[in-house]
Amino acid sequence: MWLKKAGISVEARLLLSTPMHKLTMALPLLALLAACSGSSQNALEDRVINVESDAIPTSASPTADMSGVLKQTSPSYVTITIAEARRKGRPGEGDAAQAVTSGSGFIVDGSGHVMTAGHVAVKQGYSVTARASDGRLYAGKVIAIRPTNDMALIAVRGLNGKPVEPAASPCMPRGAQVFSLGKPHAQGDTARFGQVESMSFGRAVSYNGFGYPDAMVLRMNTKKGESGGPVFNSSGQLTGMVVSTLSDGNGRPLNLAHAVPSSNLADFLCSQVQCSARWQSLAGQSTQTCRSSS
């Protein structure tokens, strides 16, 4: 089996279950506009998000009430393009910033901070263009990277989107329904539904200077471009971040993905900026305590 992350493959082993059926449908999200005298308000949501449930039985496919959860979480999700910092010179002679990669991310507070995968952000100081749910493009910069957990923090100027709400605990039982938000390369925004396979992969993974000591295993067929995207539980609370897609040695998808647990995300966030009490509480927890129930 292989882990794919932004074109990098890493050999790994994992016991597999029977492949599940696939259901794809388009779910338009209503535009929610807010007006307030004396302040500028963003359109919270006017995107159309394609829904794919390719890792769960048809009988357990997303129901109509999940449209409410998608409208709740989608304003927290952004797509990002990373470019090298513009080289300085005399006025008019600076080289244009060169785009190096793109991926997904999510808003973590009301100060314009966005989290994504470290291998998406590439390097501290790189410039960022983020597309928010209002359709506008915002400029930012990579301000911190933790390569050993494949996490990065971005500061985006003027971004006033809706922050994610982290779950109180990182633990989830095997079979719990989850969904991610991300943008596969050359495709539209996608909500991908799946299930928790395990809270632990059982081994460390490393690749070109990035990696993680362990990860959640999700029964979900993510694709390139979705790295850094948020993973939510069925209540719309953040429970992790997509970092890998698993495939076999021939490149065939295995309907499995890796995600960094929310407690690791909280620990990184709170070490870099002032974070809320909810994030602080989560940062003090560990997925070690939930492995026995996974």
C-alpha atoms as a PDB file:
ATOM      1  CA  MET A   1       0.000   0.000   0.000  1.00  0.00           C
ATOM      2  CA  TRP A   2       1.115   3.564  -0.632  1.00  0.00           C
ATOM      3  CA  LEU A   3       0.415   6.927   0.925  1.00  0.00           C
ATOM      4  CA  LYS A   4       0.043   9.754  -1.555  1.00  0.00           C
ATOM      5  CA  LYS A   5       0.664  13.328  -0.473  1.00  0.00           C
ATOM      6  CA  ALA A   6       1.065  16.003  -3.126  1.00  0.00           C
ATOM      7  CA  GLY A   7       2.665  13.507  -5.515  1.00  0.00           C
ATOM      8  CA  ILE A   8       4.861  11.776  -2.905  1.00  0.00           C
ATOM      9  CA  SER A   9       4.389   8.051  -2.266  1.00  0.00           C
ATOM     10  CA  VAL A  10       5.330   6.297   0.963  1.00  0.00           C
ATOM     11  CA  GLU A  11       5.114   2.542   1.437  1.00  0.00           C
ATOM     12  CA  ALA A  12       2.869   1.424   4.315  1.00  0.00           C
ATOM     13  CA  ARG A  13       0.849  -1.547   5.546  1.00  0.00           C
ATOM     14  CA  LEU A  14      -2.724  -1.698   6.811  1.00  0.00           C
ATOM     15  CA  LEU A  15      -5.458  -4.349   7.068  1.00  0.00           C
ATOM     16  CA  LEU A  16      -8.260  -3.541   4.641  1.00  0.00           C
ATOM     17  CA  SER A  17     -11.994  -4.115   4.780  1.00  0.00           C
ATOM     18  CA  THR A  18     -14.417  -4.842   1.957  1.00  0.00           C
ATOM     19  CA  PRO A  19     -14.802  -1.918  -0.509  1.00  0.00           C
ATOM     20  CA  MET A  20     -18.007   0.066  -0.138  1.00  0.00           C
ATOM     21  CA  HIS A  21     -20.453   1.407  -2.700  1.00  0.00           C
ATOM     22  CA  LYS A  22     -20.191   4.889  -4.173  1.00  0.00           C
ATOM     23  CA  LEU A  23     -22.877   7.546  -4.368  1.00  0.00           C
ATOM     24  CA  THR A  24     -22.358  10.971  -5.898  1.00  0.00           C
ATOM     25  CA  MET A  25     -24.839  13.813  -5.886  1.00  0.00           C
ATOM     26  CA  ALA A  26     -24.799  17.588  -6.207  1.00  0.00           C
ATOM     27  CA  LEU A  27     -26.067  19.549  -3.217  1.00  0.00           C
ATOM     28  CA  PRO A  28     -26.463  23.308  -3.777  1.00  0.00           C
ATOM     29  CA  LEU A  29     -25.985  25.410  -0.669  1.00  0.00           C
ATOM     30  CA  LEU A  30     -28.224  28.435  -0.196  1.00  0.00           C
ATOM     31  CA  ALA A  31     -26.779  31.916  -0.143  1.00  0.00           C
ATOM     32  CA  LEU A  32     -26.966  33.385   3.350  1.00  0.00           C
ATOM     33  CA  LEU A  33     -26.494  37.151   3.321  1.00  0.00           C
ATOM     34  CA  ALA A  34     -26.054  39.272   6.425  1.00  0.00           C
ATOM     35  CA  ALA A  35     -26.602  43.033   6.518  1.00  0.00           C
ATOM     36  CA  CYS A  36     -25.489  45.228   9.375  1.00  0.00           C
ATOM     37  CA  SER A  37     -25.470  49.022   9.521  1.00  0.00           C
ATOM     38  CA  GLY A  38     -21.983  50.485   9.707  1.00  0.00           C
ATOM     39  CA  SER A  39     -20.024  47.273   8.933  1.00  0.00           C
ATOM     40  CA  SER A  40     -19.149  45.182   5.911  1.00  0.00           C
ATOM     41  CA  GLN A  41     -20.470  41.625   5.954  1.00  0.00           C
ATOM     42  CA  ASN A  42     -19.393  38.712   3.774  1.00  0.00           C
ATOM     43  CA  ALA A  43     -21.784  36.410   1.992  1.00  0.00           C
ATOM     44  CA  LEU A  44     -21.422  33.417   4.274  1.00  0.00           C
ATOM     45  CA  GLU A  45     -22.129  30.792   1.653  1.00  0.00           C
ATOM     46  CA  ASP A  46     -22.951  30.800  -2.029  1.00  0.00           C
ATOM     47  CA  ARG A  47     -20.862  27.869  -3.234  1.00  0.00           C
ATOM     48  CA  VAL A  48     -22.135  24.654  -4.735  1.00  0.00           C
ATOM     49  CA  ILE A  49     -20.419  21.724  -3.038  1.00  0.00           C
ATOM     50  CA  ASN A  50     -20.428  18.310  -4.664  1.00  0.00           C
ATOM     51  CA  VAL A  51     -21.154  15.523  -2.184  1.00  0.00           C
ATOM     52  CA  GLU A  52     -19.385  12.172  -2.552  1.00  0.00           C
ATOM     53  CA  SER A  53     -20.006   9.232  -0.232  1.00  0.00           C
ATOM     54  CA  ASP A  54     -17.614   6.714  -1.716  1.00  0.00           C
ATOM     55  CA  ALA A  55     -16.641   4.819   1.427  1.00  0.00           C
ATOM     56  CA  ILE A  56     -19.903   4.014   3.169  1.00  0.00           C
ATOM     57  CA  PRO A  57     -22.801   1.652   2.343  1.00  0.00           C
ATOM     58  CA  THR A  58     -25.578   3.114   0.212  1.00  0.00           C
ATOM     59  CA  SER A  59     -27.974   2.543   3.106  1.00  0.00           C
ATOM     60  CA  ALA A  60     -25.848   4.915   5.198  1.00  0.00           C
ATOM     61  CA  SER A  61     -25.511   7.654   2.561  1.00  0.00           C
ATOM     62  CA  PRO A  62     -25.878  11.289   3.655  1.00  0.00           C
ATOM     63  CA  THR A  63     -29.447  12.272   4.402  1.00  0.00           C
ATOM     64  CA  ALA A  64     -31.262  15.497   3.583  1.00  0.00           C
ATOM     65  CA  ASP A  65     -30.620  16.916   7.054  1.00  0.00           C
ATOM     66  CA  MET A  66     -26.868  16.904   6.331  1.00  0.00           C
ATOM     67  CA  SER A  67     -27.427  19.932   4.087  1.00  0.00           C
ATOM     68  CA  GLY A  68     -27.782  21.920   7.299  1.00  0.00           C
ATOM     69  CA  VAL A  69     -24.441  20.618   8.579  1.00  0.00           C
ATOM     70  CA  LEU A  70     -22.769  21.521   5.291  1.00  0.00           C
ATOM     71  CA  LYS A  71     -24.138  25.049   5.416  1.00  0.00           C
ATOM     72  CA  GLN A  72     -22.880  25.249   8.983  1.00  0.00           C
ATOM     73  CA  THR A  73     -19.325  24.165   8.162  1.00  0.00           C
ATOM     74  CA  SER A  74     -18.696  25.379   4.616  1.00  0.00           C
ATOM     75  CA  PRO A  75     -18.042  29.035   5.569  1.00  0.00           C
ATOM     76  CA  SER A  76     -15.031  27.798   7.584  1.00  0.00           C
ATOM     77  CA  TYR A  77     -13.399  26.118   4.588  1.00  0.00           C
ATOM     78  CA  VAL A  78     -11.020  27.860   2.179  1.00  0.00           C
ATOM     79  CA  THR A  79      -8.924  26.864  -0.813  1.00  0.00           C
ATOM     80  CA  ILE A  80      -5.353  28.115  -0.939  1.00  0.00           C
ATOM     81  CA  THR A  81      -2.535  28.621  -3.435  1.00  0.00           C
ATOM     82  CA  ILE A  82       1.033  28.861  -2.141  1.00  0.00           C
ATOM     83  CA  ALA A  83       3.748  30.854  -3.902  1.00  0.00           C
ATOM     84  CA  GLU A  84       7.394  31.572  -3.214  1.00  0.00           C
ATOM     85  CA  ALA A  85       8.061  34.934  -1.615  1.00  0.00           C
ATOM     86  CA  ARG A  86       8.653  37.619  -4.229  1.00  0.00           C
ATOM     87  CA  ARG A  87      12.354  38.350  -4.646  1.00  0.00           C
ATOM     88  CA  LYS A  88      13.289  41.929  -3.831  1.00  0.00           C
ATOM     89  CA  GLY A  89      15.120  44.298  -6.166  1.00  0.00           C
ATOM     90  CA  ARG A  90      14.835  47.785  -7.502  1.00  0.00           C
ATOM     91  CA  PRO A  91      11.251  49.041  -8.028  1.00  0.00           C
ATOM     92  CA  GLY A  92       9.680  47.254 -10.972  1.00  0.00           C
ATOM     93  CA  GLU A  93      12.398  44.596 -11.140  1.00  0.00           C
ATOM     94  CA  GLY A  94      11.092  42.125  -8.579  1.00  0.00           C
ATOM     95  CA  ASP A  95      10.256  38.691  -9.947  1.00  0.00           C
ATOM     96  CA  ALA A  96       6.607  37.698  -9.864  1.00  0.00           C
ATOM     97  CA  ALA A  97       5.807  35.232  -7.093  1.00  0.00           C
ATOM     98  CA  GLN A  98       5.933  31.688  -8.454  1.00  0.00           C
ATOM     99  CA  ALA A  99       3.058  29.416  -7.437  1.00  0.00           C
ATOM    100  CA  VAL A 100       4.370  26.126  -6.096  1.00  0.00           C
ATOM    101  CA  THR A 101       1.343  24.213  -4.812  1.00  0.00           C
ATOM    102  CA  SER A 102      -2.318  24.419  -3.846  1.00  0.00           C
ATOM    103  CA  GLY A 103      -4.581  22.730  -1.350  1.00  0.00           C
ATOM    104  CA  SER A 104      -7.334  23.185   1.187  1.00  0.00           C
ATOM    105  CA  GLY A 105      -7.570  24.747   4.625  1.00  0.00           C
ATOM    106  CA  PHE A 106      -9.912  26.026   7.320  1.00  0.00           C
ATOM    107  CA  ILE A 107     -10.380  29.105   9.478  1.00  0.00           C
ATOM    108  CA  VAL A 108      -9.492  28.580  13.147  1.00  0.00           C
ATOM    109  CA  ASP A 109     -10.236  31.955  14.760  1.00  0.00           C
ATOM    110  CA  GLY A 110     -11.625  35.419  14.181  1.00  0.00           C
ATOM    111  CA  SER A 111      -8.204  36.930  13.500  1.00  0.00           C
ATOM    112  CA  GLY A 112      -7.733  35.512  10.009  1.00  0.00           C
ATOM    113  CA  HIS A 113      -5.688  32.448  10.936  1.00  0.00           C
ATOM    114  CA  VAL A 114      -6.034  29.410   8.673  1.00  0.00           C
ATOM    115  CA  MET A 115      -4.624  25.917   9.157  1.00  0.00           C
ATOM    116  CA  THR A 116      -3.509  23.589   6.387  1.00  0.00           C
ATOM    117  CA  ALA A 117      -1.090  20.704   5.850  1.00  0.00           C
ATOM    118  CA  GLY A 118       2.609  21.467   6.184  1.00  0.00           C
ATOM    119  CA  HIS A 119       3.425  19.923   2.808  1.00  0.00           C
ATOM    120  CA  VAL A 120       0.863  22.262   1.225  1.00  0.00           C
ATOM    121  CA  ALA A 121       2.282  25.398   2.892  1.00  0.00           C
ATOM    122  CA  VAL A 122       5.832  24.224   2.000  1.00  0.00           C
ATOM    123  CA  LYS A 123       7.852  26.895   3.809  1.00  0.00           C
ATOM    124  CA  GLN A 124       7.485  29.632   6.421  1.00  0.00           C
ATOM    125  CA  GLY A 125       7.320  33.057   4.772  1.00  0.00           C
ATOM    126  CA  TYR A 126       5.763  31.844   1.526  1.00  0.00           C
ATOM    127  CA  SER A 127       2.871  33.928   0.243  1.00  0.00           C
ATOM    128  CA  VAL A 128      -0.701  32.659   0.173  1.00  0.00           C
ATOM    129  CA  THR A 129      -3.820  33.402  -1.837  1.00  0.00           C
ATOM    130  CA  ALA A 130      -6.959  32.132  -0.096  1.00  0.00           C
ATOM    131  CA  ARG A 131     -10.407  31.871  -1.655  1.00  0.00           C
ATOM    132  CA  ALA A 132     -13.144  32.124   0.966  1.00  0.00           C
ATOM    133  CA  SER A 133     -16.815  31.205   0.876  1.00  0.00           C
ATOM    134  CA  ASP A 134     -17.745  34.708  -0.321  1.00  0.00           C
ATOM    135  CA  GLY A 135     -15.781  34.008  -3.519  1.00  0.00           C
ATOM    136  CA  ARG A 136     -13.203  36.706  -2.797  1.00  0.00           C
ATOM    137  CA  LEU A 137      -9.433  36.211  -2.857  1.00  0.00           C
ATOM    138  CA  TYR A 138      -7.413  37.196   0.212  1.00  0.00           C
ATOM    139  CA  ALA A 139      -3.646  37.571   0.558  1.00  0.00           C
ATOM    140  CA  GLY A 140      -1.673  36.018   3.393  1.00  0.00           C
ATOM    141  CA  LYS A 141       1.569  34.447   4.512  1.00  0.00           C
ATOM    142  CA  VAL A 142       2.711  31.138   6.004  1.00  0.00           C
ATOM    143  CA  ILE A 143       3.708  32.067   9.565  1.00  0.00           C
ATOM    144  CA  ALA A 144       4.513  28.674  11.123  1.00  0.00           C
ATOM    145  CA  ILE A 145       5.081  25.044  10.110  1.00  0.00           C
ATOM    146  CA  ARG A 146       5.425  21.913  12.247  1.00  0.00           C
ATOM    147  CA  PRO A 147       6.880  19.373   9.781  1.00  0.00           C
ATOM    148  CA  THR A 148       6.797  16.480  12.276  1.00  0.00           C
ATOM    149  CA  ASN A 149       2.980  16.668  12.334  1.00  0.00           C
ATOM    150  CA  ASP A 150       2.524  18.002   8.768  1.00  0.00           C
ATOM    151  CA  MET A 151       0.720  21.132   9.985  1.00  0.00           C
ATOM    152  CA  ALA A 152       0.994  24.790   9.030  1.00  0.00           C
ATOM    153  CA  LEU A 153      -0.544  28.064  10.151  1.00  0.00           C
ATOM    154  CA  ILE A 154      -1.343  30.920   7.770  1.00  0.00           C
ATOM    155  CA  ALA A 155      -2.227  34.531   8.542  1.00  0.00           C
ATOM    156  CA  VAL A 156      -4.694  35.939   5.993  1.00  0.00           C
ATOM    157  CA  ARG A 157      -5.295  39.684   5.848  1.00  0.00           C
ATOM    158  CA  GLY A 158      -8.901  40.877   6.046  1.00  0.00           C
ATOM    159  CA  LEU A 159     -10.414  37.377   6.275  1.00  0.00           C
ATOM    160  CA  ASN A 160     -13.485  37.443   8.515  1.00  0.00           C
ATOM    161  CA  GLY A 161     -14.962  34.020   7.816  1.00  0.00           C
ATOM    162  CA  LYS A 162     -16.563  31.653  10.289  1.00  0.00           C
ATOM    163  CA  PRO A 163     -14.058  29.710  12.454  1.00  0.00           C
ATOM    164  CA  VAL A 164     -14.469  25.961  12.862  1.00  0.00           C
ATOM    165  CA  GLU A 165     -15.836  24.624  16.141  1.00  0.00           C
ATOM    166  CA  PRO A 166     -13.517  21.876  17.418  1.00  0.00           C
ATOM    167  CA  ALA A 167     -15.068  18.798  19.014  1.00  0.00           C
ATOM    168  CA  ALA A 168     -14.576  18.577  22.781  1.00  0.00           C
ATOM    169  CA  SER A 169     -12.704  15.264  22.421  1.00  0.00           C
ATOM    170  CA  PRO A 170     -10.544  13.882  19.599  1.00  0.00           C
ATOM    171  CA  CYS A 171     -11.815  10.336  20.216  1.00  0.00           C
ATOM    172  CA  MET A 172     -14.354   8.666  17.924  1.00  0.00           C
ATOM    173  CA  PRO A 173     -15.425   5.020  17.732  1.00  0.00           C
ATOM    174  CA  ARG A 174     -14.759   2.867  14.690  1.00  0.00           C
ATOM    175  CA  GLY A 175     -17.563   3.347  12.185  1.00  0.00           C
ATOM    176  CA  ALA A 176     -18.415   6.904  13.258  1.00  0.00           C
ATOM    177  CA  GLN A 177     -19.525   9.010  10.298  1.00  0.00           C
ATOM    178  CA  VAL A 178     -17.254  11.879   9.264  1.00  0.00           C
ATOM    179  CA  PHE A 179     -16.945  14.183   6.274  1.00  0.00           C
ATOM    180  CA  SER A 180     -14.230  16.379   4.822  1.00  0.00           C
ATOM    181  CA  LEU A 181     -14.265  19.551   2.741  1.00  0.00           C
ATOM    182  CA  GLY A 182     -11.658  20.090   0.044  1.00  0.00           C
ATOM    183  CA  LYS A 183     -10.980  20.882  -3.594  1.00  0.00           C
ATOM    184  CA  PRO A 184      -9.480  18.097  -5.690  1.00  0.00           C
ATOM    185  CA  HIS A 185      -7.174  19.480  -8.394  1.00  0.00           C
ATOM    186  CA  ALA A 186      -9.113  20.541 -11.510  1.00  0.00           C
ATOM    187  CA  GLN A 187     -12.423  19.816  -9.774  1.00  0.00           C
ATOM    188  CA  GLY A 188     -14.951  21.751  -7.738  1.00  0.00           C
ATOM    189  CA  ASP A 189     -15.349  22.029  -3.979  1.00  0.00           C
ATOM    190  CA  THR A 190     -16.203  18.609  -2.557  1.00  0.00           C
ATOM    191  CA  ALA A 191     -17.742  17.283   0.632  1.00  0.00           C
ATOM    192  CA  ARG A 192     -16.544  13.703   1.026  1.00  0.00           C
ATOM    193  CA  PHE A 193     -18.391  11.432   3.449  1.00  0.00           C
ATOM    194  CA  GLY A 194     -16.836   8.400   5.099  1.00  0.00           C
ATOM    195  CA  GLN A 195     -16.237   6.588   8.361  1.00  0.00           C
ATOM    196  CA  VAL A 196     -13.572   6.278  11.040  1.00  0.00           C
ATOM    197  CA  GLU A 197     -11.566   3.109  10.465  1.00  0.00           C
ATOM    198  CA  SER A 198      -9.206   3.586  13.416  1.00  0.00           C
ATOM    199  CA  MET A 199      -7.896   6.329  15.685  1.00  0.00           C
ATOM    200  CA  SER A 200      -4.365   4.995  15.162  1.00  0.00           C
ATOM    201  CA  PHE A 201      -2.334   3.921  12.130  1.00  0.00           C
ATOM    202  CA  GLY A 202       0.186   2.313  14.475  1.00  0.00           C
ATOM    203  CA  ARG A 203       3.388   3.653  12.965  1.00  0.00           C
ATOM    204  CA  ALA A 204       5.176   6.855  12.013  1.00  0.00           C
ATOM    205  CA  VAL A 205       5.208   8.172   8.444  1.00  0.00           C
ATOM    206  CA  SER A 206       7.810  10.513   6.933  1.00  0.00           C
ATOM    207  CA  TYR A 207       8.303  11.988   3.466  1.00  0.00           C
ATOM    208  CA  ASN A 208      10.642  14.726   2.168  1.00  0.00           C
ATOM    209  CA  GLY A 209      10.996  16.526   5.461  1.00  0.00           C
ATOM    210  CA  PHE A 210       7.366  16.145   6.552  1.00  0.00           C
ATOM    211  CA  GLY A 211       5.450  13.407   8.342  1.00  0.00           C
ATOM    212  CA  TYR A 212       3.549  12.445  11.485  1.00  0.00           C
ATOM    213  CA  PRO A 213       4.095   9.999  14.356  1.00  0.00           C
ATOM    214  CA  ASP A 214       0.586   8.559  13.971  1.00  0.00           C
ATOM    215  CA  ALA A 215      -2.721   9.406  12.307  1.00  0.00           C
ATOM    216  CA  MET A 216      -6.437   8.721  12.230  1.00  0.00           C
ATOM    217  CA  VAL A 217      -7.383   6.256   9.487  1.00  0.00           C
ATOM    218  CA  LEU A 218     -10.555   7.206   7.608  1.00  0.00           C
ATOM    219  CA  ARG A 219     -12.520   5.071   5.177  1.00  0.00           C
ATOM    220  CA  MET A 220     -12.652   7.856   2.627  1.00  0.00           C
ATOM    221  CA  ASN A 221     -11.232   8.208  -0.894  1.00  0.00           C
ATOM    222  CA  THR A 222      -9.603  11.654  -0.835  1.00  0.00           C
ATOM    223  CA  LYS A 223      -7.646  13.053  -3.785  1.00  0.00           C
ATOM    224  CA  LYS A 224      -4.756  15.424  -4.478  1.00  0.00           C
ATOM    225  CA  GLY A 225      -5.715  18.973  -3.574  1.00  0.00           C
ATOM    226  CA  GLU A 226      -7.725  17.925  -0.526  1.00  0.00           C
ATOM    227  CA  SER A 227      -4.692  17.888   1.780  1.00  0.00           C
ATOM    228  CA  GLY A 228      -5.184  20.401   4.576  1.00  0.00           C
ATOM    229  CA  GLY A 229      -8.959  20.152   4.369  1.00  0.00           C
ATOM    230  CA  PRO A 230     -11.033  19.940   7.569  1.00  0.00           C
ATOM    231  CA  VAL A 231     -12.610  16.707   8.799  1.00  0.00           C
ATOM    232  CA  PHE A 232     -15.881  17.067  10.726  1.00  0.00           C
ATOM    233  CA  ASN A 233     -18.018  14.709  12.789  1.00  0.00           C
ATOM    234  CA  SER A 234     -21.734  14.278  12.104  1.00  0.00           C
ATOM    235  CA  SER A 235     -22.482  17.333  14.281  1.00  0.00           C
ATOM    236  CA  GLY A 236     -20.276  19.577  12.162  1.00  0.00           C
ATOM    237  CA  GLN A 237     -17.480  19.846  14.738  1.00  0.00           C
ATOM    238  CA  LEU A 238     -13.838  19.703  13.645  1.00  0.00           C
ATOM    239  CA  THR A 239     -12.174  16.387  14.438  1.00  0.00           C
ATOM    240  CA  GLY A 240      -9.111  16.353  12.176  1.00  0.00           C
ATOM    241  CA  MET A 241      -7.313  17.477   9.011  1.00  0.00           C
ATOM    242  CA  VAL A 242      -6.721  15.450   5.834  1.00  0.00           C
ATOM    243  CA  VAL A 243      -3.033  14.785   5.071  1.00  0.00           C
ATOM    244  CA  SER A 244      -2.838  11.604   2.953  1.00  0.00           C
ATOM    245  CA  THR A 245      -4.610   9.426   0.432  1.00  0.00           C
ATOM    246  CA  LEU A 246      -3.824   5.705   0.556  1.00  0.00           C
ATOM    247  CA  SER A 247      -3.478   3.573  -2.570  1.00  0.00           C
ATOM    248  CA  ASP A 248      -1.912   0.264  -3.518  1.00  0.00           C
ATOM    249  CA  GLY A 249       1.402  -0.171  -5.312  1.00  0.00           C
ATOM    250  CA  ASN A 250      -0.306   0.256  -8.697  1.00  0.00           C
ATOM    251  CA  GLY A 251      -1.899   3.561  -7.758  1.00  0.00           C
ATOM    252  CA  ARG A 252      -5.395   2.130  -7.249  1.00  0.00           C
ATOM    253  CA  PRO A 253      -7.324   3.959  -4.486  1.00  0.00           C
ATOM    254  CA  LEU A 254      -8.082   1.966  -1.339  1.00  0.00           C
ATOM    255  CA  ASN A 255     -10.864   4.229   0.011  1.00  0.00           C
ATOM    256  CA  LEU A 256      -8.574   5.076   2.935  1.00  0.00           C
ATOM    257  CA  ALA A 257      -7.054   8.344   4.085  1.00  0.00           C
ATOM    258  CA  HIS A 258      -4.976   9.688   6.956  1.00  0.00           C
ATOM    259  CA  ALA A 259      -5.962  12.692   9.071  1.00  0.00           C
ATOM    260  CA  VAL A 260      -4.116  14.573  11.809  1.00  0.00           C
ATOM    261  CA  PRO A 261      -6.288  14.431  14.985  1.00  0.00           C
ATOM    262  CA  SER A 262      -7.836  17.641  16.295  1.00  0.00           C
ATOM    263  CA  SER A 263      -5.856  17.450  19.553  1.00  0.00           C
ATOM    264  CA  ASN A 264      -2.578  17.711  17.602  1.00  0.00           C
ATOM    265  CA  LEU A 265      -3.987  20.636  15.645  1.00  0.00           C
ATOM    266  CA  ALA A 266      -4.964  22.343  18.907  1.00  0.00           C
ATOM    267  CA  ASP A 267      -1.518  21.843  20.427  1.00  0.00           C
ATOM    268  CA  PHE A 268       0.129  23.433  17.393  1.00  0.00           C
ATOM    269  CA  LEU A 269      -2.341  26.312  17.152  1.00  0.00           C
ATOM    270  CA  CYS A 270      -2.105  27.235  20.837  1.00  0.00           C
ATOM    271  CA  SER A 271       1.707  27.173  20.677  1.00  0.00           C
ATOM    272  CA  GLN A 272       1.658  29.828  17.940  1.00  0.00           C
ATOM    273  CA  VAL A 273      -1.198  32.247  18.710  1.00  0.00           C
ATOM    274  CA  GLN A 274      -3.651  33.047  21.468  1.00  0.00           C
ATOM    275  CA  CYS A 275      -6.355  30.397  21.256  1.00  0.00           C
ATOM    276  CA  SER A 276      -9.803  29.934  22.765  1.00  0.00           C
ATOM    277  CA  ALA A 277     -10.573  27.902  25.893  1.00  0.00           C
ATOM    278  CA  ARG A 278     -12.058  25.192  23.663  1.00  0.00           C
ATOM    279  CA  TRP A 279      -8.811  24.836  21.720  1.00  0.00           C
ATOM    280  CA  GLN A 280      -6.773  24.945  24.939  1.00  0.00           C
ATOM    281  CA  SER A 281      -8.788  22.126  26.486  1.00  0.00           C
ATOM    282  CA  LEU A 282      -8.371  20.014  23.352  1.00  0.00           C
ATOM    283  CA  ALA A 283      -4.614  20.677  23.243  1.00  0.00           C
ATOM    284  CA  GLY A 284      -4.217  18.960  26.613  1.00  0.00           C
ATOM    285  CA  GLN A 285      -5.738  15.686  25.364  1.00  0.00           C
ATOM    286  CA  SER A 286      -4.233  12.716  23.547  1.00  0.00           C
ATOM    287  CA  THR A 287      -5.590  10.099  21.160  1.00  0.00           C
ATOM    288  CA  GLN A 288      -3.623   7.520  23.162  1.00  0.00           C
ATOM    289  CA  THR A 289      -6.611   7.332  25.511  1.00  0.00           C
ATOM    290  CA  CYS A 290      -9.047   6.392  22.744  1.00  0.00           C
ATOM    291  CA  ARG A 291      -7.076   3.654  20.996  1.00  0.00           C
ATOM    292  CA  SER A 292      -8.599   0.930  23.131  1.00  0.00           C
ATOM    293  CA  SER A 293     -12.037   1.811  21.796  1.00  0.00           C
ATOM    294  CA  SER A 294     -10.977   2.177  18.161  1.00  0.00           C
END
